[in-house]
Amino acid sequence: MTQAEFLTTMAITLTPASMAALFLAMLVLAAVPSLSVLTVTARAAAHGFAHGAATTAGVVAGDLVFILLAIFGLALLAETLDEGFRFVRYLGAAWLLYLGIRLWTTRPRLVEEGVVSRTSLRGSFMAGLLLTLGDQKAILFYLGFFPAFLELDSLTALDAGLVAAIAILAVGGVKLAYAFAADRLRARSGARVGVALNGLAALLLIAVGLFLLLGA
């Protein structure tokens, strides 16, 4: 690569207006109740903000994979790997069902004794990641969504990095807000309400898992 070509790839073609519009649009879309919102909220309500944040990190990581595939025109690759995505969807469904059933069967003891869940943060991260990666149609969504704000044919490497940063701030910020709200509700609840919240969180996880399973 010549110096001129390198400088071209590192140039910024996005305008402040287009970046602001993209950020606001992704912010609004991320705030709409969805399976990822339900999963983040359920994890935070059951185990605290840290688990909601870990689930959020998994959701954002999955979104970044699809965003980069869309930006670099790799939708065909996603279609080729369709069976692989289907397997991930089954895996995600099984994982969420496991987390929901485990929470349902242990919730009274955890709440009454005030025990903080020992469920690993890695497990919460994987819940968000598998949930997101299980829907390869997200690439087609981004391919249809981005042209309203971006010139995909002329995006540079630095532009792609800025788009990824915007996604992290918008999607991650909204999901963290949901996690914080669920955690505050959990912290201010009495023991009886806490048991109900844990039960609701368990049912939400099971419902999301079943939805993924039936959708696959």
N, C-alpha and C. Protein backbone atom coordinates (compact mmCIF):
# COMPACT_ATOMS: atom_id res chain seq x y z
N MET A 1 0.84 -1.20 0.00
CA MET A 1 0.00 0.00 0.00
C MET A 1 0.87 1.24 0.00
N THR A 2 0.58 2.15 -0.94
CA THR A 2 1.35 3.38 -0.98
C THR A 2 0.90 4.32 0.12
N GLN A 3 1.71 5.37 0.34
CA GLN A 3 1.36 6.34 1.37
C GLN A 3 0.04 7.02 1.06
N ALA A 4 -0.20 7.30 -0.22
CA ALA A 4 -1.45 7.95 -0.61
C ALA A 4 -2.65 7.05 -0.34
N GLU A 5 -2.51 5.76 -0.63
CA GLU A 5 -3.60 4.81 -0.37
C GLU A 5 -3.85 4.68 1.12
N PHE A 6 -2.77 4.67 1.90
CA PHE A 6 -2.92 4.56 3.35
C PHE A 6 -3.66 5.77 3.90
N LEU A 7 -3.29 6.95 3.43
CA LEU A 7 -3.94 8.17 3.90
C LEU A 7 -5.41 8.19 3.52
N THR A 8 -5.71 7.62 2.35
CA THR A 8 -7.11 7.57 1.91
C THR A 8 -7.94 6.69 2.84
N THR A 9 -7.39 5.54 3.23
CA THR A 9 -8.14 4.64 4.12
C THR A 9 -8.31 5.24 5.51
N MET A 10 -7.43 6.14 5.89
CA MET A 10 -7.49 6.74 7.22
C MET A 10 -8.22 8.08 7.22
N ALA A 11 -8.77 8.48 6.07
CA ALA A 11 -9.50 9.74 6.00
C ALA A 11 -10.89 9.57 6.60
N ILE A 12 -11.49 10.67 7.00
CA ILE A 12 -12.84 10.67 7.55
C ILE A 12 -13.78 11.31 6.54
N THR A 13 -14.74 10.54 6.06
CA THR A 13 -15.71 11.08 5.11
C THR A 13 -17.04 11.41 5.78
N LEU A 14 -17.25 10.92 6.99
CA LEU A 14 -18.50 11.20 7.70
C LEU A 14 -18.52 12.64 8.17
N THR A 15 -19.67 13.27 8.02
CA THR A 15 -19.83 14.63 8.50
C THR A 15 -20.38 14.60 9.93
N PRO A 16 -20.16 15.67 10.71
CA PRO A 16 -20.74 15.71 12.05
C PRO A 16 -22.25 15.51 12.04
N ALA A 17 -22.92 16.05 11.02
CA ALA A 17 -24.37 15.92 10.94
C ALA A 17 -24.78 14.46 10.73
N SER A 18 -24.07 13.75 9.84
CA SER A 18 -24.42 12.36 9.58
C SER A 18 -24.13 11.49 10.80
N MET A 19 -23.05 11.79 11.51
CA MET A 19 -22.73 11.02 12.72
C MET A 19 -23.77 11.27 13.81
N ALA A 20 -24.21 12.52 13.96
CA ALA A 20 -25.23 12.84 14.96
C ALA A 20 -26.55 12.17 14.63
N ALA A 21 -26.91 12.19 13.34
CA ALA A 21 -28.17 11.56 12.92
C ALA A 21 -28.13 10.05 13.14
N LEU A 22 -26.99 9.44 12.81
CA LEU A 22 -26.84 8.00 13.01
C LEU A 22 -26.92 7.65 14.49
N PHE A 23 -26.27 8.45 15.31
CA PHE A 23 -26.29 8.20 16.76
C PHE A 23 -27.71 8.28 17.30
N LEU A 24 -28.45 9.31 16.94
CA LEU A 24 -29.82 9.48 17.44
C LEU A 24 -30.72 8.34 16.96
N ALA A 25 -30.55 7.96 15.69
CA ALA A 25 -31.38 6.87 15.15
C ALA A 25 -31.10 5.56 15.88
N MET A 26 -29.82 5.25 16.11
CA MET A 26 -29.47 4.01 16.80
C MET A 26 -29.90 4.06 18.26
N LEU A 27 -29.86 5.26 18.84
CA LEU A 27 -30.30 5.44 20.23
C LEU A 27 -31.78 5.10 20.36
N VAL A 28 -32.58 5.62 19.45
CA VAL A 28 -34.02 5.37 19.49
C VAL A 28 -34.33 3.90 19.25
N LEU A 29 -33.67 3.31 18.25
CA LEU A 29 -33.91 1.89 17.94
C LEU A 29 -33.51 1.00 19.11
N ALA A 30 -32.41 1.35 19.78
CA ALA A 30 -31.95 0.53 20.91
C ALA A 30 -32.90 0.63 22.10
N ALA A 31 -33.63 1.75 22.19
CA ALA A 31 -34.54 1.95 23.33
C ALA A 31 -35.86 1.21 23.16
N VAL A 32 -36.18 0.82 21.92
CA VAL A 32 -37.43 0.09 21.69
C VAL A 32 -37.37 -1.27 22.37
N PRO A 33 -38.40 -1.62 23.16
CA PRO A 33 -38.40 -2.93 23.83
C PRO A 33 -38.16 -4.07 22.84
N SER A 34 -37.23 -4.94 23.19
CA SER A 34 -36.84 -6.03 22.29
C SER A 34 -36.36 -7.21 23.13
N LEU A 35 -35.97 -8.28 22.45
CA LEU A 35 -35.46 -9.44 23.18
C LEU A 35 -34.19 -9.09 23.95
N SER A 36 -33.33 -8.25 23.36
CA SER A 36 -32.10 -7.89 24.05
C SER A 36 -32.39 -7.03 25.27
N VAL A 37 -33.36 -6.13 25.16
CA VAL A 37 -33.75 -5.31 26.31
C VAL A 37 -34.29 -6.19 27.43
N LEU A 38 -35.13 -7.15 27.07
CA LEU A 38 -35.70 -8.06 28.08
C LEU A 38 -34.60 -8.86 28.77
N THR A 39 -33.63 -9.32 27.99
CA THR A 39 -32.55 -10.14 28.56
C THR A 39 -31.66 -9.32 29.48
N VAL A 40 -31.28 -8.12 29.04
CA VAL A 40 -30.46 -7.24 29.88
C VAL A 40 -31.19 -6.90 31.18
N THR A 41 -32.45 -6.55 31.05
CA THR A 41 -33.25 -6.18 32.22
C THR A 41 -33.40 -7.36 33.18
N ALA A 42 -33.64 -8.52 32.64
CA ALA A 42 -33.82 -9.71 33.47
C ALA A 42 -32.54 -10.04 34.24
N ARG A 43 -31.40 -9.98 33.56
CA ARG A 43 -30.13 -10.29 34.23
C ARG A 43 -29.81 -9.28 35.32
N ALA A 44 -30.09 -8.01 35.04
CA ALA A 44 -29.81 -6.97 36.04
C ALA A 44 -30.77 -7.07 37.22
N ALA A 45 -32.04 -7.36 36.94
CA ALA A 45 -33.03 -7.47 38.01
C ALA A 45 -32.75 -8.67 38.91
N ALA A 46 -32.21 -9.72 38.33
CA ALA A 46 -31.96 -10.93 39.10
C ALA A 46 -30.62 -10.91 39.82
N HIS A 47 -29.58 -10.37 39.19
CA HIS A 47 -28.23 -10.51 39.73
C HIS A 47 -27.49 -9.20 39.94
N GLY A 48 -28.07 -8.08 39.53
CA GLY A 48 -27.40 -6.81 39.76
C GLY A 48 -26.89 -6.16 38.48
N PHE A 49 -26.46 -4.91 38.63
CA PHE A 49 -26.05 -4.11 37.48
C PHE A 49 -24.88 -4.73 36.72
N ALA A 50 -23.93 -5.33 37.43
CA ALA A 50 -22.76 -5.89 36.76
C ALA A 50 -23.16 -6.93 35.72
N HIS A 51 -24.16 -7.74 36.05
CA HIS A 51 -24.61 -8.76 35.10
C HIS A 51 -25.38 -8.14 33.94
N GLY A 52 -26.13 -7.07 34.24
CA GLY A 52 -26.79 -6.35 33.16
C GLY A 52 -25.78 -5.72 32.22
N ALA A 53 -24.69 -5.19 32.80
CA ALA A 53 -23.63 -4.58 31.99
C ALA A 53 -22.92 -5.64 31.15
N ALA A 54 -22.67 -6.81 31.73
CA ALA A 54 -22.00 -7.89 30.99
C ALA A 54 -22.88 -8.37 29.84
N THR A 55 -24.18 -8.47 30.08
CA THR A 55 -25.11 -8.86 29.01
C THR A 55 -25.12 -7.80 27.91
N THR A 56 -25.10 -6.54 28.33
CA THR A 56 -25.03 -5.43 27.37
C THR A 56 -23.78 -5.53 26.51
N ALA A 57 -22.65 -5.83 27.14
CA ALA A 57 -21.39 -5.98 26.39
C ALA A 57 -21.51 -7.08 25.34
N GLY A 58 -22.19 -8.17 25.69
CA GLY A 58 -22.38 -9.25 24.72
C GLY A 58 -23.26 -8.83 23.56
N VAL A 59 -24.33 -8.09 23.87
CA VAL A 59 -25.23 -7.59 22.82
C VAL A 59 -24.48 -6.67 21.87
N VAL A 60 -23.71 -5.74 22.45
CA VAL A 60 -22.95 -4.79 21.62
C VAL A 60 -21.91 -5.51 20.78
N ALA A 61 -21.25 -6.50 21.35
CA ALA A 61 -20.24 -7.26 20.60
C ALA A 61 -20.88 -7.95 19.40
N GLY A 62 -22.05 -8.54 19.60
CA GLY A 62 -22.75 -9.18 18.49
C GLY A 62 -23.17 -8.17 17.43
N ASP A 63 -23.65 -7.01 17.86
CA ASP A 63 -24.03 -5.96 16.92
C ASP A 63 -22.83 -5.50 16.09
N LEU A 64 -21.68 -5.37 16.75
CA LEU A 64 -20.48 -4.92 16.04
C LEU A 64 -20.07 -5.91 14.95
N VAL A 65 -20.23 -7.19 15.22
CA VAL A 65 -19.92 -8.20 14.20
C VAL A 65 -20.78 -7.96 12.97
N PHE A 66 -22.09 -7.78 13.17
CA PHE A 66 -23.00 -7.58 12.05
C PHE A 66 -22.77 -6.25 11.35
N ILE A 67 -22.46 -5.21 12.13
CA ILE A 67 -22.21 -3.89 11.55
C ILE A 67 -21.00 -3.94 10.63
N LEU A 68 -19.94 -4.58 11.09
CA LEU A 68 -18.74 -4.67 10.27
C LEU A 68 -18.96 -5.54 9.03
N LEU A 69 -19.74 -6.61 9.18
CA LEU A 69 -20.06 -7.44 8.02
C LEU A 69 -20.85 -6.64 6.99
N ALA A 70 -21.77 -5.80 7.48
CA ALA A 70 -22.58 -4.98 6.57
C ALA A 70 -21.73 -3.92 5.89
N ILE A 71 -20.87 -3.25 6.67
CA ILE A 71 -20.05 -2.18 6.13
C ILE A 71 -19.10 -2.69 5.06
N PHE A 72 -18.50 -3.85 5.31
CA PHE A 72 -17.52 -4.37 4.38
C PHE A 72 -18.12 -5.31 3.33
N GLY A 73 -19.46 -5.26 3.21
CA GLY A 73 -20.12 -5.99 2.14
C GLY A 73 -20.01 -7.50 2.25
N LEU A 74 -20.08 -8.01 3.46
CA LEU A 74 -19.93 -9.45 3.65
C LEU A 74 -21.26 -10.14 3.94
N ALA A 75 -22.35 -9.55 3.45
CA ALA A 75 -23.66 -10.16 3.67
C ALA A 75 -23.72 -11.55 3.02
N LEU A 76 -23.04 -11.69 1.87
CA LEU A 76 -23.01 -12.99 1.18
C LEU A 76 -22.38 -14.05 2.06
N LEU A 77 -21.35 -13.66 2.81
CA LEU A 77 -20.71 -14.60 3.73
C LEU A 77 -21.70 -15.06 4.79
N ALA A 78 -22.49 -14.13 5.28
CA ALA A 78 -23.50 -14.48 6.29
C ALA A 78 -24.52 -15.46 5.73
N GLU A 79 -24.92 -15.26 4.47
CA GLU A 79 -25.87 -16.18 3.86
C GLU A 79 -25.25 -17.57 3.71
N THR A 80 -23.97 -17.61 3.38
CA THR A 80 -23.26 -18.88 3.24
C THR A 80 -23.20 -19.62 4.57
N LEU A 81 -23.07 -18.84 5.64
CA LEU A 81 -22.96 -19.44 6.97
C LEU A 81 -24.30 -19.53 7.68
N ASP A 82 -25.37 -19.58 6.90
CA ASP A 82 -26.71 -19.56 7.48
C ASP A 82 -26.91 -20.67 8.50
N GLU A 83 -26.46 -21.89 8.19
CA GLU A 83 -26.63 -23.00 9.12
C GLU A 83 -25.84 -22.76 10.41
N GLY A 84 -24.69 -22.10 10.28
CA GLY A 84 -23.92 -21.77 11.47
C GLY A 84 -24.66 -20.82 12.38
N PHE A 85 -25.32 -19.83 11.78
CA PHE A 85 -26.10 -18.88 12.58
C PHE A 85 -27.29 -19.59 13.23
N ARG A 86 -27.86 -20.55 12.50
CA ARG A 86 -28.98 -21.30 13.06
C ARG A 86 -28.54 -22.09 14.29
N PHE A 87 -27.34 -22.67 14.22
CA PHE A 87 -26.80 -23.39 15.37
C PHE A 87 -26.60 -22.44 16.55
N VAL A 88 -26.08 -21.25 16.28
CA VAL A 88 -25.89 -20.27 17.34
C VAL A 88 -27.22 -19.89 17.97
N ARG A 89 -28.25 -19.80 17.14
CA ARG A 89 -29.58 -19.46 17.66
C ARG A 89 -30.07 -20.55 18.62
N TYR A 90 -29.89 -21.82 18.22
CA TYR A 90 -30.27 -22.91 19.12
C TYR A 90 -29.46 -22.87 20.41
N LEU A 91 -28.16 -22.60 20.27
CA LEU A 91 -27.29 -22.54 21.43
C LEU A 91 -27.71 -21.41 22.36
N GLY A 92 -28.02 -20.25 21.78
CA GLY A 92 -28.47 -19.12 22.58
C GLY A 92 -29.78 -19.42 23.29
N ALA A 93 -30.70 -20.07 22.60
CA ALA A 93 -31.98 -20.43 23.20
C ALA A 93 -31.77 -21.37 24.38
N ALA A 94 -30.93 -22.37 24.18
CA ALA A 94 -30.65 -23.34 25.25
C ALA A 94 -30.00 -22.66 26.44
N TRP A 95 -29.09 -21.73 26.18
CA TRP A 95 -28.39 -21.03 27.26
C TRP A 95 -29.35 -20.17 28.07
N LEU A 96 -30.23 -19.44 27.40
CA LEU A 96 -31.19 -18.59 28.10
C LEU A 96 -32.20 -19.44 28.89
N LEU A 97 -32.61 -20.55 28.31
CA LEU A 97 -33.51 -21.44 29.04
C LEU A 97 -32.83 -21.98 30.29
N TYR A 98 -31.56 -22.35 30.17
CA TYR A 98 -30.80 -22.83 31.32
C TYR A 98 -30.71 -21.76 32.41
N LEU A 99 -30.39 -20.53 32.01
CA LEU A 99 -30.27 -19.44 32.99
C LEU A 99 -31.61 -19.17 33.66
N GLY A 100 -32.69 -19.18 32.86
CA GLY A 100 -34.01 -18.92 33.42
C GLY A 100 -34.46 -20.00 34.39
N ILE A 101 -34.27 -21.26 34.00
CA ILE A 101 -34.67 -22.37 34.87
C ILE A 101 -33.83 -22.39 36.14
N ARG A 102 -32.54 -22.13 36.00
CA ARG A 102 -31.67 -22.10 37.17
C ARG A 102 -32.09 -20.98 38.13
N LEU A 103 -32.42 -19.83 37.59
CA LEU A 103 -32.86 -18.71 38.43
C LEU A 103 -34.18 -19.03 39.10
N TRP A 104 -35.09 -19.66 38.38
CA TRP A 104 -36.40 -19.98 38.93
C TRP A 104 -36.29 -20.96 40.10
N THR A 105 -35.41 -21.94 39.98
CA THR A 105 -35.29 -22.96 41.01
C THR A 105 -34.49 -22.50 42.23
N THR A 106 -33.74 -21.43 42.11
CA THR A 106 -32.91 -20.99 43.25
C THR A 106 -33.33 -19.64 43.81
N ARG A 107 -34.30 -18.98 43.21
CA ARG A 107 -34.61 -17.61 43.60
C ARG A 107 -35.06 -17.43 45.05
N PRO A 108 -35.90 -18.31 45.66
CA PRO A 108 -36.30 -18.05 47.04
C PRO A 108 -35.11 -18.03 48.00
N ARG A 109 -34.20 -18.96 47.89
CA ARG A 109 -33.06 -19.03 48.79
C ARG A 109 -32.16 -17.81 48.61
N LEU A 110 -31.92 -17.42 47.36
CA LEU A 110 -31.04 -16.29 47.10
C LEU A 110 -31.59 -15.01 47.70
N VAL A 111 -32.89 -14.78 47.54
CA VAL A 111 -33.48 -13.54 48.03
C VAL A 111 -33.57 -13.53 49.54
N GLU A 112 -34.00 -14.64 50.13
CA GLU A 112 -34.17 -14.68 51.58
C GLU A 112 -32.84 -14.55 52.31
N GLU A 113 -31.80 -15.15 51.77
CA GLU A 113 -30.50 -15.10 52.43
C GLU A 113 -29.67 -13.90 52.00
N GLY A 114 -30.17 -13.15 51.01
CA GLY A 114 -29.42 -12.00 50.53
C GLY A 114 -28.13 -12.38 49.85
N VAL A 115 -28.09 -13.56 49.27
CA VAL A 115 -26.87 -14.04 48.62
C VAL A 115 -26.76 -13.45 47.23
N VAL A 116 -25.61 -12.90 46.90
CA VAL A 116 -25.37 -12.39 45.57
C VAL A 116 -25.09 -13.58 44.65
N SER A 117 -25.74 -13.58 43.52
CA SER A 117 -25.58 -14.70 42.60
C SER A 117 -24.13 -14.90 42.20
N ARG A 118 -23.73 -16.15 42.16
CA ARG A 118 -22.37 -16.48 41.74
C ARG A 118 -22.32 -16.82 40.25
N THR A 119 -23.45 -16.62 39.59
CA THR A 119 -23.43 -16.85 38.15
C THR A 119 -22.36 -15.97 37.54
N SER A 120 -21.52 -16.51 36.71
CA SER A 120 -20.39 -15.77 36.18
C SER A 120 -20.82 -14.64 35.26
N LEU A 121 -20.03 -13.58 35.28
CA LEU A 121 -20.25 -12.48 34.35
C LEU A 121 -20.07 -12.96 32.92
N ARG A 122 -19.20 -13.95 32.75
CA ARG A 122 -19.00 -14.51 31.42
C ARG A 122 -20.30 -15.12 30.90
N GLY A 123 -21.05 -15.75 31.79
CA GLY A 123 -22.32 -16.33 31.38
C GLY A 123 -23.30 -15.27 30.93
N SER A 124 -23.32 -14.13 31.61
CA SER A 124 -24.19 -13.03 31.21
C SER A 124 -23.75 -12.46 29.87
N PHE A 125 -22.43 -12.33 29.69
CA PHE A 125 -21.91 -11.84 28.41
C PHE A 125 -22.32 -12.76 27.28
N MET A 126 -22.18 -14.07 27.50
CA MET A 126 -22.52 -15.04 26.45
C MET A 126 -24.01 -15.00 26.15
N ALA A 127 -24.84 -14.73 27.16
CA ALA A 127 -26.28 -14.64 26.92
C ALA A 127 -26.57 -13.52 25.92
N GLY A 128 -25.94 -12.36 26.13
CA GLY A 128 -26.16 -11.25 25.20
C GLY A 128 -25.57 -11.50 23.83
N LEU A 129 -24.39 -12.10 23.79
CA LEU A 129 -23.71 -12.36 22.52
C LEU A 129 -24.47 -13.38 21.68
N LEU A 130 -24.84 -14.51 22.29
CA LEU A 130 -25.53 -15.56 21.54
C LEU A 130 -26.91 -15.09 21.09
N LEU A 131 -27.57 -14.32 21.94
CA LEU A 131 -28.88 -13.78 21.57
C LEU A 131 -28.78 -12.94 20.30
N THR A 132 -27.75 -12.10 20.24
CA THR A 132 -27.58 -11.20 19.10
C THR A 132 -27.11 -11.94 17.86
N LEU A 133 -26.11 -12.79 18.00
CA LEU A 133 -25.56 -13.50 16.85
C LEU A 133 -26.54 -14.52 16.27
N GLY A 134 -27.53 -14.89 17.06
CA GLY A 134 -28.50 -15.88 16.59
C GLY A 134 -29.41 -15.36 15.49
N ASP A 135 -29.37 -14.06 15.24
CA ASP A 135 -30.25 -13.49 14.22
C ASP A 135 -29.41 -12.86 13.12
N GLN A 136 -29.03 -13.66 12.13
CA GLN A 136 -28.18 -13.15 11.06
C GLN A 136 -28.89 -12.16 10.17
N LYS A 137 -30.24 -12.07 10.28
CA LYS A 137 -30.99 -11.09 9.48
C LYS A 137 -30.65 -9.66 9.89
N ALA A 138 -29.96 -9.52 11.02
CA ALA A 138 -29.55 -8.19 11.45
C ALA A 138 -28.63 -7.53 10.42
N ILE A 139 -27.86 -8.35 9.70
CA ILE A 139 -26.98 -7.80 8.67
C ILE A 139 -27.81 -7.12 7.58
N LEU A 140 -28.89 -7.77 7.17
CA LEU A 140 -29.76 -7.19 6.15
C LEU A 140 -30.40 -5.91 6.66
N PHE A 141 -30.71 -5.90 7.97
CA PHE A 141 -31.27 -4.68 8.56
C PHE A 141 -30.28 -3.53 8.45
N TYR A 142 -29.03 -3.79 8.82
CA TYR A 142 -28.03 -2.74 8.76
C TYR A 142 -27.76 -2.30 7.32
N LEU A 143 -27.79 -3.26 6.39
CA LEU A 143 -27.59 -2.92 4.99
C LEU A 143 -28.70 -1.99 4.48
N GLY A 144 -29.89 -2.15 5.03
CA GLY A 144 -30.99 -1.28 4.64
C GLY A 144 -31.03 0.01 5.44
N PHE A 145 -30.47 -0.02 6.63
CA PHE A 145 -30.52 1.12 7.54
C PHE A 145 -29.41 2.12 7.29
N PHE A 146 -28.20 1.63 7.07
CA PHE A 146 -27.04 2.52 6.94
C PHE A 146 -27.09 3.47 5.75
N PRO A 147 -27.59 3.04 4.57
CA PRO A 147 -27.57 3.95 3.42
C PRO A 147 -28.29 5.28 3.65
N ALA A 148 -29.19 5.32 4.63
CA ALA A 148 -29.88 6.58 4.93
C ALA A 148 -28.94 7.59 5.59
N PHE A 149 -27.82 7.10 6.14
CA PHE A 149 -26.91 7.98 6.86
C PHE A 149 -25.48 7.93 6.31
N LEU A 150 -25.14 6.85 5.61
CA LEU A 150 -23.76 6.65 5.20
C LEU A 150 -23.66 6.33 3.72
N GLU A 151 -22.53 6.67 3.14
CA GLU A 151 -22.20 6.24 1.78
C GLU A 151 -21.30 5.01 1.90
N LEU A 152 -21.91 3.84 1.91
CA LEU A 152 -21.16 2.62 2.19
C LEU A 152 -20.01 2.39 1.20
N ASP A 153 -20.21 2.82 -0.03
CA ASP A 153 -19.18 2.58 -1.06
C ASP A 153 -17.92 3.40 -0.82
N SER A 154 -18.04 4.50 -0.09
CA SER A 154 -16.89 5.37 0.10
C SER A 154 -16.38 5.41 1.53
N LEU A 155 -16.91 4.54 2.38
CA LEU A 155 -16.47 4.53 3.77
C LEU A 155 -15.01 4.10 3.87
N THR A 156 -14.27 4.76 4.73
CA THR A 156 -12.88 4.40 4.97
C THR A 156 -12.79 3.57 6.24
N ALA A 157 -11.58 3.07 6.51
CA ALA A 157 -11.37 2.28 7.72
C ALA A 157 -11.67 3.11 8.96
N LEU A 158 -11.28 4.38 8.93
CA LEU A 158 -11.54 5.24 10.08
C LEU A 158 -13.03 5.51 10.24
N ASP A 159 -13.74 5.64 9.11
CA ASP A 159 -15.20 5.79 9.16
C ASP A 159 -15.84 4.58 9.85
N ALA A 160 -15.37 3.40 9.46
CA ALA A 160 -15.91 2.17 10.06
C ALA A 160 -15.68 2.16 11.57
N GLY A 161 -14.52 2.62 11.99
CA GLY A 161 -14.24 2.71 13.42
C GLY A 161 -15.17 3.68 14.13
N LEU A 162 -15.47 4.81 13.46
CA LEU A 162 -16.39 5.79 14.04
C LEU A 162 -17.81 5.23 14.14
N VAL A 163 -18.23 4.50 13.12
CA VAL A 163 -19.56 3.88 13.16
C VAL A 163 -19.63 2.88 14.31
N ALA A 164 -18.57 2.10 14.48
CA ALA A 164 -18.53 1.14 15.58
C ALA A 164 -18.60 1.86 16.93
N ALA A 165 -17.88 2.98 17.06
CA ALA A 165 -17.90 3.75 18.30
C ALA A 165 -19.29 4.32 18.57
N ILE A 166 -19.95 4.78 17.51
CA ILE A 166 -21.31 5.31 17.65
C ILE A 166 -22.26 4.21 18.13
N ALA A 167 -22.10 3.01 17.57
CA ALA A 167 -22.95 1.88 17.97
C ALA A 167 -22.71 1.53 19.44
N ILE A 168 -21.45 1.53 19.85
CA ILE A 168 -21.13 1.20 21.24
C ILE A 168 -21.78 2.21 22.18
N LEU A 169 -21.68 3.50 21.85
CA LEU A 169 -22.24 4.54 22.71
C LEU A 169 -23.76 4.51 22.73
N ALA A 170 -24.36 4.37 21.53
CA ALA A 170 -25.82 4.41 21.45
C ALA A 170 -26.46 3.15 22.01
N VAL A 171 -26.10 2.00 21.44
CA VAL A 171 -26.70 0.74 21.87
C VAL A 171 -26.29 0.40 23.30
N GLY A 172 -24.99 0.50 23.57
CA GLY A 172 -24.52 0.19 24.91
C GLY A 172 -25.08 1.12 25.96
N GLY A 173 -25.15 2.42 25.63
CA GLY A 173 -25.66 3.39 26.60
C GLY A 173 -27.10 3.13 26.98
N VAL A 174 -27.93 2.84 25.99
CA VAL A 174 -29.35 2.58 26.26
C VAL A 174 -29.53 1.30 27.08
N LYS A 175 -28.82 0.26 26.68
CA LYS A 175 -28.95 -1.01 27.41
C LYS A 175 -28.45 -0.88 28.85
N LEU A 176 -27.39 -0.10 29.05
CA LEU A 176 -26.89 0.12 30.41
C LEU A 176 -27.92 0.89 31.24
N ALA A 177 -28.63 1.81 30.61
CA ALA A 177 -29.67 2.54 31.32
C ALA A 177 -30.78 1.59 31.79
N TYR A 178 -31.15 0.65 30.92
CA TYR A 178 -32.13 -0.36 31.32
C TYR A 178 -31.60 -1.20 32.48
N ALA A 179 -30.34 -1.58 32.39
CA ALA A 179 -29.74 -2.39 33.45
C ALA A 179 -29.70 -1.64 34.77
N PHE A 180 -29.36 -0.36 34.71
CA PHE A 180 -29.30 0.46 35.93
C PHE A 180 -30.68 0.60 36.56
N ALA A 181 -31.70 0.84 35.72
CA ALA A 181 -33.06 0.98 36.25
C ALA A 181 -33.53 -0.32 36.90
N ALA A 182 -33.25 -1.44 36.26
CA ALA A 182 -33.65 -2.74 36.83
C ALA A 182 -32.91 -3.02 38.12
N ASP A 183 -31.65 -2.66 38.18
CA ASP A 183 -30.86 -2.88 39.39
C ASP A 183 -31.35 -2.00 40.53
N ARG A 184 -31.70 -0.74 40.23
CA ARG A 184 -32.22 0.17 41.28
C ARG A 184 -33.54 -0.36 41.82
N LEU A 185 -34.39 -0.86 40.94
CA LEU A 185 -35.66 -1.43 41.38
C LEU A 185 -35.41 -2.62 42.28
N ARG A 186 -34.45 -3.43 41.90
CA ARG A 186 -34.09 -4.60 42.69
C ARG A 186 -33.55 -4.19 44.06
N ALA A 187 -32.71 -3.16 44.11
CA ALA A 187 -32.08 -2.74 45.35
C ALA A 187 -33.10 -2.13 46.33
N ARG A 188 -34.11 -1.48 45.80
CA ARG A 188 -35.10 -0.81 46.64
C ARG A 188 -36.27 -1.69 47.02
N SER A 189 -36.28 -2.90 46.51
CA SER A 189 -37.40 -3.81 46.78
C SER A 189 -37.20 -4.53 48.10
N GLY A 190 -38.29 -4.84 48.71
CA GLY A 190 -38.23 -5.67 49.91
C GLY A 190 -38.03 -7.12 49.52
N ALA A 191 -37.92 -7.99 50.51
CA ALA A 191 -37.64 -9.40 50.25
C ALA A 191 -38.74 -10.03 49.39
N ARG A 192 -40.01 -9.72 49.73
CA ARG A 192 -41.12 -10.34 48.99
C ARG A 192 -41.14 -9.86 47.55
N VAL A 193 -40.95 -8.54 47.36
CA VAL A 193 -40.91 -8.00 46.01
C VAL A 193 -39.69 -8.53 45.26
N GLY A 194 -38.59 -8.70 46.00
CA GLY A 194 -37.38 -9.24 45.39
C GLY A 194 -37.60 -10.63 44.84
N VAL A 195 -38.33 -11.44 45.58
CA VAL A 195 -38.64 -12.80 45.11
C VAL A 195 -39.47 -12.72 43.83
N ALA A 196 -40.46 -11.81 43.83
CA ALA A 196 -41.30 -11.65 42.65
C ALA A 196 -40.48 -11.18 41.45
N LEU A 197 -39.55 -10.25 41.69
CA LEU A 197 -38.70 -9.76 40.60
C LEU A 197 -37.84 -10.86 40.02
N ASN A 198 -37.28 -11.67 40.91
CA ASN A 198 -36.46 -12.78 40.44
C ASN A 198 -37.29 -13.77 39.63
N GLY A 199 -38.51 -14.02 40.12
CA GLY A 199 -39.40 -14.92 39.38
C GLY A 199 -39.74 -14.36 38.02
N LEU A 200 -40.00 -13.06 37.96
CA LEU A 200 -40.31 -12.42 36.68
C LEU A 200 -39.10 -12.47 35.75
N ALA A 201 -37.92 -12.23 36.31
CA ALA A 201 -36.70 -12.28 35.50
C ALA A 201 -36.50 -13.68 34.93
N ALA A 202 -36.75 -14.70 35.75
CA ALA A 202 -36.62 -16.08 35.29
C ALA A 202 -37.59 -16.37 34.15
N LEU A 203 -38.84 -15.92 34.30
CA LEU A 203 -39.84 -16.14 33.26
C LEU A 203 -39.48 -15.41 31.97
N LEU A 204 -38.91 -14.20 32.10
CA LEU A 204 -38.50 -13.45 30.92
C LEU A 204 -37.41 -14.19 30.15
N LEU A 205 -36.42 -14.71 30.89
CA LEU A 205 -35.35 -15.45 30.23
C LEU A 205 -35.87 -16.70 29.55
N ILE A 206 -36.76 -17.41 30.23
CA ILE A 206 -37.34 -18.62 29.64
C ILE A 206 -38.16 -18.27 28.40
N ALA A 207 -38.93 -17.16 28.48
CA ALA A 207 -39.75 -16.74 27.35
C ALA A 207 -38.88 -16.37 26.14
N VAL A 208 -37.79 -15.64 26.39
CA VAL A 208 -36.88 -15.26 25.30
C VAL A 208 -36.25 -16.51 24.69
N GLY A 209 -35.84 -17.44 25.56
CA GLY A 209 -35.24 -18.68 25.07
C GLY A 209 -36.21 -19.47 24.20
N LEU A 210 -37.47 -19.57 24.64
CA LEU A 210 -38.47 -20.29 23.86
C LEU A 210 -38.74 -19.60 22.53
N PHE A 211 -38.75 -18.26 22.55
CA PHE A 211 -38.97 -17.51 21.32
C PHE A 211 -37.88 -17.79 20.31
N LEU A 212 -36.63 -17.79 20.79
CA LEU A 212 -35.50 -18.08 19.91
C LEU A 212 -35.59 -19.50 19.37
N LEU A 213 -35.97 -20.43 20.24
CA LEU A 213 -36.05 -21.83 19.84
C LEU A 213 -37.12 -22.04 18.77
N LEU A 214 -38.28 -21.42 18.97
CA LEU A 214 -39.36 -21.56 18.01
C LEU A 214 -39.03 -20.84 16.71
N GLY A 215 -38.31 -19.71 16.84
CA GLY A 215 -37.94 -18.96 15.65
C GLY A 215 -36.90 -19.66 14.81
N ALA A 216 -36.08 -20.49 15.47
CA ALA A 216 -35.06 -21.22 14.73
C ALA A 216 -35.67 -22.34 13.91
